[in-house]
Structure formats: C-alpha cells, structure tokens
N, C-alpha and C. Protein backbone atom coordinates (compact mmCIF):
# COMPACT_ATOMS: atom_id res chain seq x y z
N UNK A 1 0.85 -1.17 0.00
CA UNK A 1 0.00 0.00 0.00
C UNK A 1 0.89 1.24 0.00
N UNK A 2 0.57 2.18 -0.83
CA UNK A 2 1.35 3.41 -0.97
C UNK A 2 0.59 4.56 -0.31
N UNK A 3 1.31 5.36 0.44
CA UNK A 3 0.72 6.53 1.10
C UNK A 3 1.03 7.75 0.25
N UNK A 4 0.04 8.59 0.08
CA UNK A 4 0.21 9.77 -0.78
C UNK A 4 1.23 10.74 -0.18
N UNK A 5 1.78 11.55 -1.04
CA UNK A 5 2.77 12.55 -0.62
C UNK A 5 2.17 13.54 0.37
N UNK A 6 0.91 13.87 0.15
CA UNK A 6 0.21 14.82 1.03
C UNK A 6 0.10 14.24 2.45
N UNK A 7 -0.21 12.95 2.56
CA UNK A 7 -0.33 12.32 3.87
C UNK A 7 1.03 12.19 4.54
N UNK A 8 2.07 11.94 3.76
CA UNK A 8 3.43 11.88 4.32
C UNK A 8 3.83 13.24 4.88
N UNK A 9 3.44 14.31 4.20
CA UNK A 9 3.72 15.65 4.69
C UNK A 9 3.00 15.92 6.02
N UNK A 10 1.76 15.48 6.12
CA UNK A 10 0.99 15.65 7.36
C UNK A 10 1.65 14.90 8.50
N UNK A 11 2.10 13.67 8.24
CA UNK A 11 2.76 12.87 9.27
C UNK A 11 4.09 13.53 9.65
N UNK A 12 4.80 14.09 8.69
CA UNK A 12 6.04 14.82 8.97
C UNK A 12 5.77 15.99 9.89
N UNK A 13 4.69 16.70 9.65
CA UNK A 13 4.31 17.82 10.50
C UNK A 13 4.01 17.35 11.91
N UNK A 14 3.34 16.21 12.04
CA UNK A 14 3.04 15.65 13.36
C UNK A 14 4.32 15.30 14.10
N UNK A 15 5.28 14.72 13.39
CA UNK A 15 6.56 14.37 14.00
C UNK A 15 7.27 15.63 14.49
N UNK A 16 7.34 16.65 13.65
CA UNK A 16 8.00 17.89 14.03
C UNK A 16 7.32 18.54 15.24
N UNK A 17 6.00 18.51 15.24
CA UNK A 17 5.26 19.10 16.35
C UNK A 17 5.53 18.32 17.64
N UNK A 18 5.54 17.00 17.55
CA UNK A 18 5.79 16.20 18.75
C UNK A 18 7.21 16.45 19.27
N UNK A 19 8.19 16.50 18.38
CA UNK A 19 9.56 16.77 18.81
C UNK A 19 9.68 18.16 19.45
N UNK A 20 8.91 19.13 18.92
CA UNK A 20 8.91 20.47 19.51
C UNK A 20 8.31 20.43 20.91
N UNK A 21 7.25 19.66 21.09
CA UNK A 21 6.56 19.63 22.39
C UNK A 21 7.41 19.02 23.50
N UNK A 22 8.37 18.16 23.16
CA UNK A 22 9.23 17.54 24.16
C UNK A 22 10.65 18.13 24.15
N UNK A 23 10.90 19.10 23.29
CA UNK A 23 12.23 19.68 23.12
C UNK A 23 12.71 20.25 24.44
N UNK A 24 13.96 20.15 24.78
CA UNK A 24 15.13 19.69 24.04
C UNK A 24 15.42 18.20 24.19
N UNK A 25 14.50 17.46 24.78
CA UNK A 25 14.72 16.02 25.00
C UNK A 25 14.65 15.26 23.67
N UNK A 26 15.71 14.53 23.32
CA UNK A 26 15.66 13.71 22.09
C UNK A 26 14.88 12.43 22.34
N UNK A 27 14.17 11.95 21.32
CA UNK A 27 13.35 10.75 21.44
C UNK A 27 13.84 9.65 20.52
N UNK A 28 13.67 8.41 20.97
CA UNK A 28 13.97 7.27 20.13
C UNK A 28 12.90 7.12 19.05
N UNK A 29 13.27 6.51 17.95
CA UNK A 29 12.34 6.26 16.84
C UNK A 29 11.10 5.52 17.34
N UNK A 30 11.31 4.52 18.19
CA UNK A 30 10.18 3.72 18.69
C UNK A 30 9.20 4.55 19.50
N UNK A 31 9.70 5.52 20.26
CA UNK A 31 8.80 6.38 21.05
C UNK A 31 7.98 7.28 20.15
N UNK A 32 8.60 7.80 19.11
CA UNK A 32 7.87 8.65 18.17
C UNK A 32 6.79 7.83 17.46
N UNK A 33 7.16 6.63 17.02
CA UNK A 33 6.20 5.75 16.33
C UNK A 33 5.03 5.39 17.24
N UNK A 34 5.33 5.11 18.49
CA UNK A 34 4.28 4.76 19.44
C UNK A 34 3.34 5.94 19.68
N UNK A 35 3.90 7.13 19.83
CA UNK A 35 3.09 8.32 20.08
C UNK A 35 2.16 8.64 18.91
N UNK A 36 2.65 8.42 17.68
CA UNK A 36 1.84 8.72 16.50
C UNK A 36 1.05 7.52 16.00
N UNK A 37 1.18 6.39 16.69
CA UNK A 37 0.48 5.14 16.33
C UNK A 37 0.78 4.75 14.88
N UNK A 38 2.06 4.71 14.56
CA UNK A 38 2.52 4.34 13.22
C UNK A 38 3.60 3.27 13.33
N UNK A 39 3.90 2.62 12.22
CA UNK A 39 4.92 1.60 12.13
C UNK A 39 6.31 2.24 12.28
N UNK A 40 7.21 1.57 13.02
CA UNK A 40 8.54 2.13 13.25
C UNK A 40 9.34 2.32 11.97
N UNK A 41 9.27 1.37 11.05
CA UNK A 41 10.02 1.48 9.80
C UNK A 41 9.53 2.65 8.96
N UNK A 42 8.23 2.86 8.95
CA UNK A 42 7.66 3.98 8.20
C UNK A 42 8.10 5.30 8.82
N UNK A 43 8.06 5.39 10.15
CA UNK A 43 8.48 6.60 10.84
C UNK A 43 9.97 6.85 10.61
N UNK A 44 10.78 5.79 10.63
CA UNK A 44 12.22 5.96 10.40
C UNK A 44 12.48 6.50 9.00
N UNK A 45 11.72 6.03 8.03
CA UNK A 45 11.87 6.53 6.65
C UNK A 45 11.59 8.03 6.59
N UNK A 46 10.54 8.46 7.26
CA UNK A 46 10.19 9.89 7.27
C UNK A 46 11.24 10.69 8.05
N UNK A 47 11.73 10.13 9.15
CA UNK A 47 12.76 10.81 9.93
C UNK A 47 14.03 11.03 9.10
N UNK A 48 14.39 10.05 8.31
CA UNK A 48 15.59 10.19 7.47
C UNK A 48 15.40 11.26 6.40
N UNK A 49 14.18 11.38 5.87
CA UNK A 49 13.88 12.44 4.90
C UNK A 49 13.98 13.81 5.58
N UNK A 50 13.45 13.91 6.80
CA UNK A 50 13.52 15.17 7.55
C UNK A 50 14.97 15.51 7.89
N UNK A 51 15.77 14.50 8.15
CA UNK A 51 17.20 14.72 8.42
C UNK A 51 17.90 15.27 7.18
N UNK A 52 17.58 14.72 6.00
CA UNK A 52 18.17 15.22 4.75
C UNK A 52 17.82 16.68 4.51
N UNK A 53 16.62 17.07 4.93
CA UNK A 53 16.18 18.46 4.77
C UNK A 53 16.73 19.36 5.88
N UNK A 54 17.51 18.76 6.81
CA UNK A 54 18.13 19.47 7.92
C UNK A 54 17.10 20.08 8.88
N UNK A 55 15.97 19.39 9.03
CA UNK A 55 14.95 19.84 9.97
C UNK A 55 15.13 19.20 11.34
N UNK A 56 15.73 18.02 11.37
CA UNK A 56 15.98 17.33 12.63
C UNK A 56 17.41 16.83 12.66
N UNK A 57 17.85 16.46 13.86
CA UNK A 57 19.21 15.97 14.07
C UNK A 57 19.13 14.55 14.62
N UNK A 58 19.94 13.67 14.05
CA UNK A 58 20.02 12.29 14.53
C UNK A 58 21.15 12.19 15.56
N UNK A 59 20.83 11.59 16.69
CA UNK A 59 21.83 11.39 17.75
C UNK A 59 22.09 9.89 17.84
N UNK A 60 23.33 9.51 17.58
CA UNK A 60 23.70 8.10 17.55
C UNK A 60 24.54 7.68 18.75
N UNK A 61 24.63 8.54 19.77
CA UNK A 61 25.38 8.21 20.98
C UNK A 61 24.50 8.42 22.21
N UNK A 62 24.76 7.61 23.25
CA UNK A 62 24.01 7.79 24.48
C UNK A 62 24.62 8.94 25.28
N UNK A 63 24.00 9.34 26.39
CA UNK A 63 24.54 10.47 27.15
C UNK A 63 25.97 10.27 27.66
N UNK A 64 26.43 9.03 27.75
CA UNK A 64 27.79 8.76 28.20
C UNK A 64 28.79 8.78 27.04
N UNK A 65 28.32 9.00 25.82
CA UNK A 65 29.20 9.09 24.66
C UNK A 65 29.45 7.77 23.95
N UNK A 66 28.73 6.73 24.34
CA UNK A 66 28.90 5.42 23.72
C UNK A 66 27.94 5.31 22.53
N UNK A 67 28.46 4.83 21.40
CA UNK A 67 27.64 4.70 20.19
C UNK A 67 26.52 3.68 20.37
N UNK A 68 25.34 4.03 19.87
CA UNK A 68 24.25 3.07 19.78
C UNK A 68 24.54 2.15 18.60
N UNK A 69 24.25 0.88 18.76
CA UNK A 69 24.47 -0.06 17.66
C UNK A 69 23.30 -0.06 16.70
N UNK A 70 22.08 -0.12 17.22
CA UNK A 70 20.91 -0.22 16.36
C UNK A 70 19.84 0.82 16.64
N UNK A 71 20.14 1.83 17.41
CA UNK A 71 19.13 2.80 17.80
C UNK A 71 19.58 4.20 17.40
N UNK A 72 18.61 5.09 17.34
CA UNK A 72 18.88 6.51 17.11
C UNK A 72 17.89 7.32 17.92
N UNK A 73 18.34 8.47 18.36
CA UNK A 73 17.44 9.43 18.99
C UNK A 73 17.36 10.63 18.06
N UNK A 74 16.27 11.37 18.16
CA UNK A 74 16.02 12.48 17.24
C UNK A 74 15.60 13.71 18.02
N UNK A 75 16.02 14.87 17.53
CA UNK A 75 15.56 16.14 18.09
C UNK A 75 15.52 17.18 16.97
N UNK A 76 14.81 18.26 17.23
CA UNK A 76 14.73 19.34 16.25
C UNK A 76 16.06 20.05 16.13
N UNK A 77 16.37 20.51 14.94
CA UNK A 77 17.56 21.34 14.78
C UNK A 77 17.27 22.70 15.43
N UNK A 78 18.30 23.41 15.79
CA UNK A 78 18.13 24.68 16.49
C UNK A 78 17.33 25.69 15.67
N UNK A 79 17.60 25.76 14.37
CA UNK A 79 16.88 26.74 13.53
C UNK A 79 15.39 26.41 13.44
N UNK A 80 15.05 25.14 13.37
CA UNK A 80 13.63 24.74 13.30
C UNK A 80 12.96 25.01 14.64
N UNK A 81 13.66 24.73 15.73
CA UNK A 81 13.10 25.01 17.06
C UNK A 81 12.78 26.49 17.21
N UNK A 82 13.70 27.35 16.78
CA UNK A 82 13.47 28.79 16.88
C UNK A 82 12.30 29.23 16.02
N UNK A 83 12.17 28.65 14.84
CA UNK A 83 11.04 28.99 13.95
C UNK A 83 9.71 28.57 14.58
N UNK A 84 9.65 27.38 15.17
CA UNK A 84 8.43 26.92 15.82
C UNK A 84 8.12 27.81 17.03
N UNK A 85 9.16 28.17 17.77
CA UNK A 85 8.97 29.00 18.96
C UNK A 85 8.39 30.37 18.59
N UNK A 86 8.90 30.96 17.51
CA UNK A 86 8.39 32.25 17.04
C UNK A 86 6.96 32.12 16.54
N UNK A 87 6.65 31.01 15.89
CA UNK A 87 5.28 30.81 15.38
C UNK A 87 4.28 30.65 16.52
N UNK A 88 4.73 30.17 17.67
CA UNK A 88 3.86 30.00 18.83
C UNK A 88 3.46 31.36 19.43
N UNK A 89 4.32 32.33 19.26
CA UNK A 89 4.05 33.67 19.85
C UNK A 89 3.15 34.49 19.02
C-alpha cells in the first residue's frame, strides 16, 4: 500500500510538532512511532527524509558518549526550534 505525498507531509508535521513539544529532549524512533500510532520502519523513513532536509538531528550516541548499535534518537535542529517557537508567539 502506498501513502500519498500529502499524507506523508501531514505525518512529517506531526513528527516535528511532537519533537517540539518535548524539546530539548531527544526521542527514540520507537517512542515517536508509538506516540503517533505508526509503524517504526515507516516513521524511520520519514525521519531520514527530515534529516536530509536538515529539519531534525540524529543522535547516535548515548549520554555517556557510547555509540548506539541499532538505535537513534532524534531532536529538532536549532533553527527549526526557533522557527516553531516564534510561530507560537
């Protein structure tokens, strides 16, 4: 089943909004997928597209500086966070 580009954009907006609501805390892909009630692989695909557009940042290390083997955390880039913050005002 193929999801339309318009629906992917809406889901991308939901992801960005959720990351803004918990900012500056980075979230794992699985937590984002669970919150939006979507498949993890589908969410990861969208997250990678958002990363290419430089809207979000992928964190591949834990707080102690050790690399994750199979996990990633995500947060908004600083410029996107500031844009969302200004739009809220």
